[in-house]
Amino acid sequence: MLFDVIFPIGALISGIVVLTISSDKAVEHTVYFASALGVSSIVIGLVLVSIGTDLPEIANSIVSCWSGYGDIDLGDSIGSVLTQITLVLGLIALLSRKFKVKRNEVLVAGFFEVLALILAISVAKTGFTRWKAFLLIAAWPIFIWIIRRATKKDTVKTKSSKHKTHRPYLFHLMIAILSFAGIAIGAFAVVQSVIILSNQLDIPEFFISFFVLGIGTSIPELAVDLMAIRKRQYELAIGDIIGSCIVDSTVSIAAGQLFFPAAVFVEPSGRSFLLGLYAILSSILVILVLFSRKRVDKKAGVFFVVLYLGSYSLLYAM
């Protein structure tokens, strides 16, 4: 019995260590590679970093749907969106110095993050099919392309980069890819250990996935974005948070459903659907705060964390 507790705790600690080291290298080498491409940091965050840090959700989606547990996929993806846009962003604000954000980039990227989440929950409410899953996945590159075009003017301003390196840029790409693999392995260890520790709780699959896996699979974003902030790559951090939410609402939530359609929202009380609506409302509020204040600081951080904690009240709503 003691071993059953010690082992997952050890796996949890080890996973966090792997996540921290891998995320540091991922940010460092992604920024070098981004410099070679002449692409703005927010776009790199929206695409490369967001996909890399969402590998745990994508893997969980495929495995859970293959096993016939669609609510694990749905809860993990929606829970990750809420966790990242509120708790992760709030913790970054509280643990680092304040920094400015560009209103145009936040408004455009934020609009498509909310739109992607609305589409995902609407599809889930009516029931997934392979065709609907395909359309959700196809929406991701379209959204990113529109965001890229809409923020192109800002991208031109940030083409020149201060980051120089004497190594070949393909070397940095390979190290970044290996680092993302380390992030995925570390996240897998964290998630599995949390599931084992929570196994004795009598909680529906959606709730465990929404609150436990949502936090567990968002650890890569927190680790990567804290490292990005420490390196003063503020746009990379914002781009990763919003980009990860878009990935979770499209690719992650639909990856498993594309191959193995499974029932979702099977939790009978309706609270799971309310949590989905709460994630939409929270996303809108966060984007409005960033747009109106044009900065991320400790006041905003407190509000974002409180917004996340408010989701727990829905457990007792019905």
C-alpha atoms as a PDB file:
ATOM      1  CA  MET A   1       0.000   0.000   0.000  1.00  0.00           C
ATOM      2  CA  LEU A   2       2.867   2.369   0.875  1.00  0.00           C
ATOM      3  CA  PHE A   3       4.570   1.582  -2.435  1.00  0.00           C
ATOM      4  CA  ASP A   4       1.348   2.434  -4.280  1.00  0.00           C
ATOM      5  CA  VAL A   5       1.663   5.983  -2.942  1.00  0.00           C
ATOM      6  CA  ILE A   6       5.459   6.427  -3.058  1.00  0.00           C
ATOM      7  CA  PHE A   7       5.773   5.329  -6.696  1.00  0.00           C
ATOM      8  CA  PRO A   8       3.340   7.880  -8.217  1.00  0.00           C
ATOM      9  CA  ILE A   9       4.785  10.654  -6.023  1.00  0.00           C
ATOM     10  CA  GLY A  10       8.269   9.775  -7.293  1.00  0.00           C
ATOM     11  CA  ALA A  11       6.960   9.731 -10.870  1.00  0.00           C
ATOM     12  CA  LEU A  12       5.316  13.116 -10.305  1.00  0.00           C
ATOM     13  CA  ILE A  13       8.545  14.715  -9.032  1.00  0.00           C
ATOM     14  CA  SER A  14      10.605  13.133 -11.815  1.00  0.00           C
ATOM     15  CA  GLY A  15       8.132  14.273 -14.444  1.00  0.00           C
ATOM     16  CA  ILE A  16       8.271  17.869 -13.202  1.00  0.00           C
ATOM     17  CA  VAL A  17      12.097  17.824 -13.319  1.00  0.00           C
ATOM     18  CA  VAL A  18      12.069  16.497 -16.902  1.00  0.00           C
ATOM     19  CA  LEU A  19       9.471  19.118 -17.865  1.00  0.00           C
ATOM     20  CA  THR A  20      11.516  21.966 -16.417  1.00  0.00           C
ATOM     21  CA  ILE A  21      14.794  20.986 -18.094  1.00  0.00           C
ATOM     22  CA  SER A  22      13.153  20.162 -21.434  1.00  0.00           C
ATOM     23  CA  SER A  23      11.113  23.371 -21.492  1.00  0.00           C
ATOM     24  CA  ASP A  24      14.207  25.493 -20.900  1.00  0.00           C
ATOM     25  CA  LYS A  25      15.951  23.924 -23.898  1.00  0.00           C
ATOM     26  CA  ALA A  26      12.787  24.052 -26.017  1.00  0.00           C
ATOM     27  CA  VAL A  27      12.437  27.814 -25.584  1.00  0.00           C
ATOM     28  CA  GLU A  28      16.133  28.497 -26.096  1.00  0.00           C
ATOM     29  CA  HIS A  29      16.478  26.564 -29.347  1.00  0.00           C
ATOM     30  CA  THR A  30      13.045  27.519 -30.699  1.00  0.00           C
ATOM     31  CA  VAL A  31      13.972  31.193 -30.375  1.00  0.00           C
ATOM     32  CA  TYR A  32      17.239  30.589 -32.256  1.00  0.00           C
ATOM     33  CA  PHE A  33      15.390  28.785 -35.014  1.00  0.00           C
ATOM     34  CA  ALA A  34      12.746  31.519 -35.134  1.00  0.00           C
ATOM     35  CA  SER A  35      15.504  34.085 -35.661  1.00  0.00           C
ATOM     36  CA  ALA A  36      16.693  32.232 -38.760  1.00  0.00           C
ATOM     37  CA  LEU A  37      13.164  32.194 -40.208  1.00  0.00           C
ATOM     38  CA  GLY A  38      12.572  35.890 -39.531  1.00  0.00           C
ATOM     39  CA  VAL A  39       9.170  35.116 -38.019  1.00  0.00           C
ATOM     40  CA  SER A  40       7.702  36.991 -35.060  1.00  0.00           C
ATOM     41  CA  SER A  41       7.815  35.315 -31.668  1.00  0.00           C
ATOM     42  CA  ILE A  42       4.035  35.322 -31.248  1.00  0.00           C
ATOM     43  CA  VAL A  43       3.583  33.347 -34.471  1.00  0.00           C
ATOM     44  CA  ILE A  44       6.261  30.856 -33.423  1.00  0.00           C
ATOM     45  CA  GLY A  45       4.425  30.513 -30.108  1.00  0.00           C
ATOM     46  CA  LEU A  46       1.090  30.068 -31.875  1.00  0.00           C
ATOM     47  CA  VAL A  47       2.410  27.289 -34.137  1.00  0.00           C
ATOM     48  CA  LEU A  48       5.598  25.435 -33.153  1.00  0.00           C
ATOM     49  CA  VAL A  49       5.628  25.861 -29.377  1.00  0.00           C
ATOM     50  CA  SER A  50       1.861  25.402 -28.938  1.00  0.00           C
ATOM     51  CA  ILE A  51       1.848  22.123 -30.895  1.00  0.00           C
ATOM     52  CA  GLY A  52       4.906  20.890 -29.002  1.00  0.00           C
ATOM     53  CA  THR A  53       3.444  21.604 -25.585  1.00  0.00           C
ATOM     54  CA  ASP A  54       0.085  20.095 -26.616  1.00  0.00           C
ATOM     55  CA  LEU A  55       1.525  16.692 -27.485  1.00  0.00           C
ATOM     56  CA  PRO A  56       0.254  15.250 -24.141  1.00  0.00           C
ATOM     57  CA  GLU A  57      -3.339  16.321 -24.913  1.00  0.00           C
ATOM     58  CA  ILE A  58      -3.118  14.965 -28.455  1.00  0.00           C
ATOM     59  CA  ALA A  59      -1.768  11.639 -27.202  1.00  0.00           C
ATOM     60  CA  ASN A  60      -4.432  11.464 -24.482  1.00  0.00           C
ATOM     61  CA  SER A  61      -7.132  12.201 -27.079  1.00  0.00           C
ATOM     62  CA  ILE A  62      -6.123   9.273 -29.275  1.00  0.00           C
ATOM     63  CA  VAL A  63      -5.643   6.818 -26.410  1.00  0.00           C
ATOM     64  CA  SER A  64      -8.873   7.758 -24.572  1.00  0.00           C
ATOM     65  CA  CYS A  65     -11.058   7.626 -27.705  1.00  0.00           C
ATOM     66  CA  TRP A  66      -9.450   4.352 -28.756  1.00  0.00           C
ATOM     67  CA  SER A  67     -10.394   3.017 -25.312  1.00  0.00           C
ATOM     68  CA  GLY A  68     -13.960   4.310 -25.692  1.00  0.00           C
ATOM     69  CA  TYR A  69     -13.700   7.078 -23.062  1.00  0.00           C
ATOM     70  CA  GLY A  70     -14.567  10.195 -25.040  1.00  0.00           C
ATOM     71  CA  ASP A  71     -15.192  12.282 -21.923  1.00  0.00           C
ATOM     72  CA  ILE A  72     -11.543  11.875 -20.906  1.00  0.00           C
ATOM     73  CA  ASP A  73     -10.550  13.459 -24.219  1.00  0.00           C
ATOM     74  CA  LEU A  74     -13.193  16.185 -23.964  1.00  0.00           C
ATOM     75  CA  GLY A  75     -12.538  16.991 -20.315  1.00  0.00           C
ATOM     76  CA  ASP A  76      -8.771  17.108 -20.783  1.00  0.00           C
ATOM     77  CA  SER A  77      -8.943  19.405 -23.823  1.00  0.00           C
ATOM     78  CA  ILE A  78     -11.532  21.860 -22.450  1.00  0.00           C
ATOM     79  CA  GLY A  79      -9.957  21.772 -18.998  1.00  0.00           C
ATOM     80  CA  SER A  80      -6.573  22.560 -20.546  1.00  0.00           C
ATOM     81  CA  VAL A  81      -8.047  25.573 -22.359  1.00  0.00           C
ATOM     82  CA  LEU A  82      -9.492  26.985 -19.140  1.00  0.00           C
ATOM     83  CA  THR A  83      -6.336  26.198 -17.154  1.00  0.00           C
ATOM     84  CA  GLN A  84      -4.001  27.789 -19.694  1.00  0.00           C
ATOM     85  CA  ILE A  85      -5.986  30.963 -20.418  1.00  0.00           C
ATOM     86  CA  THR A  86      -6.612  31.661 -16.714  1.00  0.00           C
ATOM     87  CA  LEU A  87      -4.420  29.753 -14.238  1.00  0.00           C
ATOM     88  CA  VAL A  88      -1.228  29.498 -16.317  1.00  0.00           C
ATOM     89  CA  LEU A  89      -1.428  33.111 -17.477  1.00  0.00           C
ATOM     90  CA  GLY A  90      -2.279  34.202 -13.938  1.00  0.00           C
ATOM     91  CA  LEU A  91       0.663  32.344 -12.400  1.00  0.00           C
ATOM     92  CA  ILE A  92       3.011  33.794 -15.014  1.00  0.00           C
ATOM     93  CA  ALA A  93       1.798  37.274 -14.082  1.00  0.00           C
ATOM     94  CA  LEU A  94       2.259  36.618 -10.361  1.00  0.00           C
ATOM     95  CA  LEU A  95       5.680  34.966 -10.675  1.00  0.00           C
ATOM     96  CA  SER A  96       7.293  37.418 -13.094  1.00  0.00           C
ATOM     97  CA  ARG A  97       7.587  41.105 -13.874  1.00  0.00           C
ATOM     98  CA  LYS A  98       4.800  42.881 -15.698  1.00  0.00           C
ATOM     99  CA  PHE A  99       5.019  43.112 -19.480  1.00  0.00           C
ATOM    100  CA  LYS A 100       3.118  44.725 -22.318  1.00  0.00           C
ATOM    101  CA  VAL A 101       1.057  42.972 -24.988  1.00  0.00           C
ATOM    102  CA  LYS A 102       0.074  44.155 -28.447  1.00  0.00           C
ATOM    103  CA  ARG A 103      -3.646  44.845 -28.646  1.00  0.00           C
ATOM    104  CA  ASN A 104      -3.998  43.849 -32.295  1.00  0.00           C
ATOM    105  CA  GLU A 105      -2.284  40.491 -31.833  1.00  0.00           C
ATOM    106  CA  VAL A 106      -4.207  39.692 -28.646  1.00  0.00           C
ATOM    107  CA  LEU A 107      -7.567  40.662 -30.161  1.00  0.00           C
ATOM    108  CA  VAL A 108      -7.087  38.679 -33.385  1.00  0.00           C
ATOM    109  CA  ALA A 109      -5.592  35.567 -31.784  1.00  0.00           C
ATOM    110  CA  GLY A 110      -8.054  35.756 -28.886  1.00  0.00           C
ATOM    111  CA  PHE A 111     -11.045  35.989 -31.226  1.00  0.00           C
ATOM    112  CA  PHE A 112     -10.050  32.758 -32.961  1.00  0.00           C
ATOM    113  CA  GLU A 113      -9.309  31.059 -29.639  1.00  0.00           C
ATOM    114  CA  VAL A 114     -12.871  31.790 -28.476  1.00  0.00           C
ATOM    115  CA  LEU A 115     -14.303  30.822 -31.870  1.00  0.00           C
ATOM    116  CA  ALA A 116     -12.415  27.507 -31.856  1.00  0.00           C
ATOM    117  CA  LEU A 117     -13.687  26.706 -28.358  1.00  0.00           C
ATOM    118  CA  ILE A 118     -17.293  27.547 -29.301  1.00  0.00           C
ATOM    119  CA  LEU A 119     -17.032  25.299 -32.363  1.00  0.00           C
ATOM    120  CA  ALA A 120     -15.557  22.444 -30.322  1.00  0.00           C
ATOM    121  CA  ILE A 121     -18.247  22.546 -27.642  1.00  0.00           C
ATOM    122  CA  SER A 122     -21.016  22.899 -30.257  1.00  0.00           C
ATOM    123  CA  VAL A 123     -19.727  19.835 -32.120  1.00  0.00           C
ATOM    124  CA  ALA A 124     -19.375  17.891 -28.874  1.00  0.00           C
ATOM    125  CA  LYS A 125     -22.924  18.757 -27.833  1.00  0.00           C
ATOM    126  CA  THR A 126     -24.359  17.397 -31.098  1.00  0.00           C
ATOM    127  CA  GLY A 127     -22.050  14.356 -31.093  1.00  0.00           C
ATOM    128  CA  PHE A 128     -18.735  13.680 -32.828  1.00  0.00           C
ATOM    129  CA  THR A 129     -18.370  11.995 -36.202  1.00  0.00           C
ATOM    130  CA  ARG A 130     -15.214  11.477 -38.237  1.00  0.00           C
ATOM    131  CA  TRP A 131     -16.308  14.221 -40.619  1.00  0.00           C
ATOM    132  CA  LYS A 132     -16.901  16.743 -37.815  1.00  0.00           C
ATOM    133  CA  ALA A 133     -13.549  15.827 -36.256  1.00  0.00           C
ATOM    134  CA  PHE A 134     -11.815  16.353 -39.604  1.00  0.00           C
ATOM    135  CA  LEU A 135     -13.399  19.796 -40.003  1.00  0.00           C
ATOM    136  CA  LEU A 136     -12.252  20.811 -36.521  1.00  0.00           C
ATOM    137  CA  ILE A 137      -8.689  19.744 -37.255  1.00  0.00           C
ATOM    138  CA  ALA A 138      -8.790  21.508 -40.640  1.00  0.00           C
ATOM    139  CA  ALA A 139      -9.921  24.700 -38.893  1.00  0.00           C
ATOM    140  CA  TRP A 140      -6.595  24.970 -37.046  1.00  0.00           C
ATOM    141  CA  PRO A 141      -4.310  25.808 -40.011  1.00  0.00           C
ATOM    142  CA  ILE A 142      -6.986  28.135 -41.408  1.00  0.00           C
ATOM    143  CA  PHE A 143      -7.194  30.058 -38.121  1.00  0.00           C
ATOM    144  CA  ILE A 144      -3.410  30.267 -37.840  1.00  0.00           C
ATOM    145  CA  TRP A 145      -3.101  31.486 -41.437  1.00  0.00           C
ATOM    146  CA  ILE A 146      -5.662  34.242 -40.812  1.00  0.00           C
ATOM    147  CA  ILE A 147      -3.913  35.259 -37.579  1.00  0.00           C
ATOM    148  CA  ARG A 148      -0.586  35.320 -39.418  1.00  0.00           C
ATOM    149  CA  ARG A 149      -2.011  37.542 -42.150  1.00  0.00           C
ATOM    150  CA  ALA A 150      -3.794  39.854 -39.704  1.00  0.00           C
ATOM    151  CA  THR A 151      -0.633  40.394 -37.625  1.00  0.00           C
ATOM    152  CA  LYS A 152       1.780  40.537 -40.574  1.00  0.00           C
ATOM    153  CA  LYS A 153       2.465  44.236 -40.074  1.00  0.00           C
ATOM    154  CA  ASP A 154       3.592  43.571 -36.511  1.00  0.00           C
ATOM    155  CA  THR A 155       5.682  40.647 -37.721  1.00  0.00           C
ATOM    156  CA  VAL A 156       7.652  42.842 -40.110  1.00  0.00           C
ATOM    157  CA  LYS A 157       8.598  45.108 -37.233  1.00  0.00           C
ATOM    158  CA  THR A 158      10.105  42.221 -35.291  1.00  0.00           C
ATOM    159  CA  LYS A 159      11.925  40.463 -38.092  1.00  0.00           C
ATOM    160  CA  SER A 160      15.390  41.377 -36.937  1.00  0.00           C
ATOM    161  CA  SER A 161      16.413  39.355 -33.928  1.00  0.00           C
ATOM    162  CA  LYS A 162      19.015  39.856 -31.231  1.00  0.00           C
ATOM    163  CA  HIS A 163      19.586  36.142 -30.893  1.00  0.00           C
ATOM    164  CA  LYS A 164      22.736  35.027 -32.688  1.00  0.00           C
ATOM    165  CA  THR A 165      24.245  31.578 -32.797  1.00  0.00           C
ATOM    166  CA  HIS A 166      27.331  30.000 -34.339  1.00  0.00           C
ATOM    167  CA  ARG A 167      25.688  26.582 -34.665  1.00  0.00           C
ATOM    168  CA  PRO A 168      23.697  25.487 -37.736  1.00  0.00           C
ATOM    169  CA  TYR A 169      20.031  26.322 -37.405  1.00  0.00           C
ATOM    170  CA  LEU A 170      19.065  22.720 -38.172  1.00  0.00           C
ATOM    171  CA  PHE A 171      20.947  21.797 -35.007  1.00  0.00           C
ATOM    172  CA  HIS A 172      18.662  24.074 -32.999  1.00  0.00           C
ATOM    173  CA  LEU A 173      15.611  22.595 -34.719  1.00  0.00           C
ATOM    174  CA  MET A 174      16.686  19.050 -33.768  1.00  0.00           C
ATOM    175  CA  ILE A 175      17.369  20.035 -30.149  1.00  0.00           C
ATOM    176  CA  ALA A 176      13.991  21.791 -29.979  1.00  0.00           C
ATOM    177  CA  ILE A 177      12.221  18.677 -31.306  1.00  0.00           C
ATOM    178  CA  LEU A 178      14.036  16.455 -28.785  1.00  0.00           C
ATOM    179  CA  SER A 179      13.143  18.922 -26.031  1.00  0.00           C
ATOM    180  CA  PHE A 180       9.461  18.782 -26.970  1.00  0.00           C
ATOM    181  CA  ALA A 181       9.705  14.991 -26.805  1.00  0.00           C
ATOM    182  CA  GLY A 182      11.117  15.370 -23.291  1.00  0.00           C
ATOM    183  CA  ILE A 183       8.204  17.663 -22.412  1.00  0.00           C
ATOM    184  CA  ALA A 184       5.735  15.047 -23.656  1.00  0.00           C
ATOM    185  CA  ILE A 185       7.452  12.267 -21.659  1.00  0.00           C
ATOM    186  CA  GLY A 186       7.583  14.396 -18.526  1.00  0.00           C
ATOM    187  CA  ALA A 187       3.929  15.411 -18.892  1.00  0.00           C
ATOM    188  CA  PHE A 188       2.897  11.795 -19.416  1.00  0.00           C
ATOM    189  CA  ALA A 189       4.634  10.820 -16.161  1.00  0.00           C
ATOM    190  CA  VAL A 190       2.966  13.702 -14.315  1.00  0.00           C
ATOM    191  CA  VAL A 191      -0.503  12.937 -15.660  1.00  0.00           C
ATOM    192  CA  GLN A 192      -0.305   9.214 -15.008  1.00  0.00           C
ATOM    193  CA  SER A 193       0.947   9.724 -11.464  1.00  0.00           C
ATOM    194  CA  VAL A 194      -1.874  12.183 -10.716  1.00  0.00           C
ATOM    195  CA  ILE A 195      -4.437   9.730 -12.116  1.00  0.00           C
ATOM    196  CA  ILE A 196      -3.074   6.950  -9.896  1.00  0.00           C
ATOM    197  CA  LEU A 197      -3.133   9.194  -6.819  1.00  0.00           C
ATOM    198  CA  SER A 198      -6.722  10.261  -7.628  1.00  0.00           C
ATOM    199  CA  ASN A 199      -7.980   6.801  -8.572  1.00  0.00           C
ATOM    200  CA  GLN A 200      -9.816   6.182  -5.308  1.00  0.00           C
ATOM    201  CA  LEU A 201     -11.975   9.315  -5.651  1.00  0.00           C
ATOM    202  CA  ASP A 202     -15.521   8.663  -6.842  1.00  0.00           C
ATOM    203  CA  ILE A 203     -15.568  11.380  -9.533  1.00  0.00           C
ATOM    204  CA  PRO A 204     -16.913  11.129 -13.130  1.00  0.00           C
ATOM    205  CA  GLU A 205     -14.345  10.816 -15.920  1.00  0.00           C
ATOM    206  CA  PHE A 206     -15.058  14.291 -17.293  1.00  0.00           C
ATOM    207  CA  PHE A 207     -14.414  15.990 -13.949  1.00  0.00           C
ATOM    208  CA  ILE A 208     -11.159  14.113 -13.313  1.00  0.00           C
ATOM    209  CA  SER A 209     -10.011  14.958 -16.825  1.00  0.00           C
ATOM    210  CA  PHE A 210     -11.164  18.582 -16.643  1.00  0.00           C
ATOM    211  CA  PHE A 211      -9.568  19.419 -13.305  1.00  0.00           C
ATOM    212  CA  VAL A 212      -6.741  16.876 -12.875  1.00  0.00           C
ATOM    213  CA  LEU A 213      -5.599  16.215 -16.438  1.00  0.00           C
ATOM    214  CA  GLY A 214      -6.376  19.828 -17.385  1.00  0.00           C
ATOM    215  CA  ILE A 215      -3.755  20.971 -14.899  1.00  0.00           C
ATOM    216  CA  GLY A 216      -1.377  18.078 -15.528  1.00  0.00           C
ATOM    217  CA  THR A 217      -1.243  18.515 -19.294  1.00  0.00           C
ATOM    218  CA  SER A 218      -0.919  22.310 -18.891  1.00  0.00           C
ATOM    219  CA  ILE A 219       2.317  21.990 -16.931  1.00  0.00           C
ATOM    220  CA  PRO A 220       4.364  22.097 -20.183  1.00  0.00           C
ATOM    221  CA  GLU A 221       2.783  25.454 -21.062  1.00  0.00           C
ATOM    222  CA  LEU A 222       3.506  26.821 -17.596  1.00  0.00           C
ATOM    223  CA  ALA A 223       7.111  25.588 -17.670  1.00  0.00           C
ATOM    224  CA  VAL A 224       7.783  26.792 -21.220  1.00  0.00           C
ATOM    225  CA  ASP A 225       6.109  30.165 -20.721  1.00  0.00           C
ATOM    226  CA  LEU A 226       7.873  30.885 -17.422  1.00  0.00           C
ATOM    227  CA  MET A 227      11.178  30.183 -19.154  1.00  0.00           C
ATOM    228  CA  ALA A 228      10.102  32.397 -22.060  1.00  0.00           C
ATOM    229  CA  ILE A 229       9.236  35.246 -19.678  1.00  0.00           C
ATOM    230  CA  ARG A 230      12.563  34.797 -17.887  1.00  0.00           C
ATOM    231  CA  LYS A 231      14.275  35.179 -21.272  1.00  0.00           C
ATOM    232  CA  ARG A 232      12.023  38.207 -21.995  1.00  0.00           C
ATOM    233  CA  GLN A 233      10.288  36.419 -24.865  1.00  0.00           C
ATOM    234  CA  TYR A 234       6.916  37.879 -23.886  1.00  0.00           C
ATOM    235  CA  GLU A 235       5.210  37.442 -27.259  1.00  0.00           C
ATOM    236  CA  LEU A 236       6.359  33.824 -27.367  1.00  0.00           C
ATOM    237  CA  ALA A 237       4.637  33.190 -24.022  1.00  0.00           C
ATOM    238  CA  ILE A 238       1.366  34.877 -25.018  1.00  0.00           C
ATOM    239  CA  GLY A 239       1.463  33.183 -28.401  1.00  0.00           C
ATOM    240  CA  ASP A 240       1.985  29.784 -26.790  1.00  0.00           C
ATOM    241  CA  ILE A 241      -0.895  30.235 -24.319  1.00  0.00           C
ATOM    242  CA  ILE A 242      -3.431  31.391 -26.896  1.00  0.00           C
ATOM    243  CA  GLY A 243      -2.037  29.046 -29.548  1.00  0.00           C
ATOM    244  CA  SER A 244      -2.236  26.076 -27.199  1.00  0.00           C
ATOM    245  CA  CYS A 245      -5.874  26.890 -26.475  1.00  0.00           C
ATOM    246  CA  ILE A 246      -6.595  26.928 -30.223  1.00  0.00           C
ATOM    247  CA  VAL A 247      -4.781  23.599 -30.654  1.00  0.00           C
ATOM    248  CA  ASP A 248      -6.674  22.075 -27.719  1.00  0.00           C
ATOM    249  CA  SER A 249     -10.013  23.231 -29.158  1.00  0.00           C
ATOM    250  CA  THR A 250      -9.293  21.825 -32.620  1.00  0.00           C
ATOM    251  CA  VAL A 251      -6.468  19.314 -33.107  1.00  0.00           C
ATOM    252  CA  SER A 252      -6.302  17.881 -29.572  1.00  0.00           C
ATOM    253  CA  ILE A 253     -10.019  17.478 -29.016  1.00  0.00           C
ATOM    254  CA  ALA A 254     -10.616  15.983 -32.492  1.00  0.00           C
ATOM    255  CA  ALA A 255      -7.501  13.829 -33.034  1.00  0.00           C
ATOM    256  CA  GLY A 256      -8.880  10.791 -31.240  1.00  0.00           C
ATOM    257  CA  GLN A 257     -12.411  11.330 -32.541  1.00  0.00           C
ATOM    258  CA  LEU A 258     -11.117  11.305 -36.130  1.00  0.00           C
ATOM    259  CA  PHE A 259      -9.947   7.701 -35.776  1.00  0.00           C
ATOM    260  CA  PHE A 260     -12.148   6.400 -32.957  1.00  0.00           C
ATOM    261  CA  PRO A 261     -15.444   8.336 -32.569  1.00  0.00           C
ATOM    262  CA  ALA A 262     -16.597   8.076 -28.964  1.00  0.00           C
ATOM    263  CA  ALA A 263     -19.535   9.419 -26.963  1.00  0.00           C
ATOM    264  CA  VAL A 264     -19.000  12.661 -25.008  1.00  0.00           C
ATOM    265  CA  PHE A 265     -20.918  14.612 -22.367  1.00  0.00           C
ATOM    266  CA  VAL A 266     -22.080  11.302 -20.917  1.00  0.00           C
ATOM    267  CA  GLU A 267     -21.998  12.755 -17.388  1.00  0.00           C
ATOM    268  CA  PRO A 268     -25.759  12.977 -16.623  1.00  0.00           C
ATOM    269  CA  SER A 269     -26.058  16.083 -14.424  1.00  0.00           C
ATOM    270  CA  GLY A 270     -25.170  18.567 -17.171  1.00  0.00           C
ATOM    271  CA  ARG A 271     -22.369  20.150 -15.152  1.00  0.00           C
ATOM    272  CA  SER A 272     -19.801  19.127 -17.764  1.00  0.00           C
ATOM    273  CA  PHE A 273     -21.568  21.256 -20.379  1.00  0.00           C
ATOM    274  CA  LEU A 274     -21.698  24.158 -17.895  1.00  0.00           C
ATOM    275  CA  LEU A 275     -17.937  23.854 -17.441  1.00  0.00           C
ATOM    276  CA  GLY A 276     -17.553  24.140 -21.205  1.00  0.00           C
ATOM    277  CA  LEU A 277     -19.636  27.321 -21.239  1.00  0.00           C
ATOM    278  CA  TYR A 278     -17.592  28.637 -18.305  1.00  0.00           C
ATOM    279  CA  ALA A 279     -14.393  28.070 -20.312  1.00  0.00           C
ATOM    280  CA  ILE A 280     -15.853  30.169 -23.156  1.00  0.00           C
ATOM    281  CA  LEU A 281     -16.869  32.990 -20.791  1.00  0.00           C
ATOM    282  CA  SER A 282     -13.483  32.949 -19.058  1.00  0.00           C
ATOM    283  CA  SER A 283     -11.649  33.128 -22.393  1.00  0.00           C
ATOM    284  CA  ILE A 284     -13.695  36.166 -23.426  1.00  0.00           C
ATOM    285  CA  LEU A 285     -13.010  37.932 -20.117  1.00  0.00           C
ATOM    286  CA  VAL A 286      -9.255  37.257 -20.278  1.00  0.00           C
ATOM    287  CA  ILE A 287      -8.976  38.548 -23.849  1.00  0.00           C
ATOM    288  CA  LEU A 288     -10.975  41.675 -22.947  1.00  0.00           C
ATOM    289  CA  VAL A 289      -8.712  42.360 -19.945  1.00  0.00           C
ATOM    290  CA  LEU A 290      -5.550  41.969 -22.043  1.00  0.00           C
ATOM    291  CA  PHE A 291      -6.995  44.118 -24.817  1.00  0.00           C
ATOM    292  CA  SER A 292      -8.169  46.927 -22.538  1.00  0.00           C
ATOM    293  CA  ARG A 293      -5.163  47.042 -20.175  1.00  0.00           C
ATOM    294  CA  LYS A 294      -2.464  46.272 -22.807  1.00  0.00           C
ATOM    295  CA  ARG A 295      -0.303  44.579 -20.194  1.00  0.00           C
ATOM    296  CA  VAL A 296      -0.005  41.554 -17.940  1.00  0.00           C
ATOM    297  CA  ASP A 297       0.652  42.405 -14.302  1.00  0.00           C
ATOM    298  CA  LYS A 298      -0.053  41.074 -10.821  1.00  0.00           C
ATOM    299  CA  LYS A 299      -3.561  42.595 -10.630  1.00  0.00           C
ATOM    300  CA  ALA A 300      -4.511  40.822 -13.812  1.00  0.00           C
ATOM    301  CA  GLY A 301      -2.804  37.673 -12.495  1.00  0.00           C
ATOM    302  CA  VAL A 302      -4.956  37.615  -9.368  1.00  0.00           C
ATOM    303  CA  PHE A 303      -8.105  38.083 -11.457  1.00  0.00           C
ATOM    304  CA  PHE A 304      -7.142  35.252 -13.821  1.00  0.00           C
ATOM    305  CA  VAL A 305      -6.417  32.827 -10.960  1.00  0.00           C
ATOM    306  CA  VAL A 306      -9.708  33.699  -9.240  1.00  0.00           C
ATOM    307  CA  LEU A 307     -11.474  33.188 -12.560  1.00  0.00           C
ATOM    308  CA  TYR A 308     -10.033  29.680 -12.748  1.00  0.00           C
ATOM    309  CA  LEU A 309     -10.966  28.852  -9.152  1.00  0.00           C
ATOM    310  CA  GLY A 310     -14.530  29.956  -9.898  1.00  0.00           C
ATOM    311  CA  SER A 311     -14.959  26.883 -12.094  1.00  0.00           C
ATOM    312  CA  TYR A 312     -14.954  24.685  -8.983  1.00  0.00           C
ATOM    313  CA  SER A 313     -18.220  26.264  -7.857  1.00  0.00           C
ATOM    314  CA  LEU A 314     -19.939  24.621 -10.852  1.00  0.00           C
ATOM    315  CA  LEU A 315     -19.340  21.226  -9.257  1.00  0.00           C
ATOM    316  CA  TYR A 316     -22.124  22.149  -6.855  1.00  0.00           C
ATOM    317  CA  ALA A 317     -24.352  24.007  -9.325  1.00  0.00           C
ATOM    318  CA  MET A 318     -26.719  21.080  -9.920  1.00  0.00           C
END
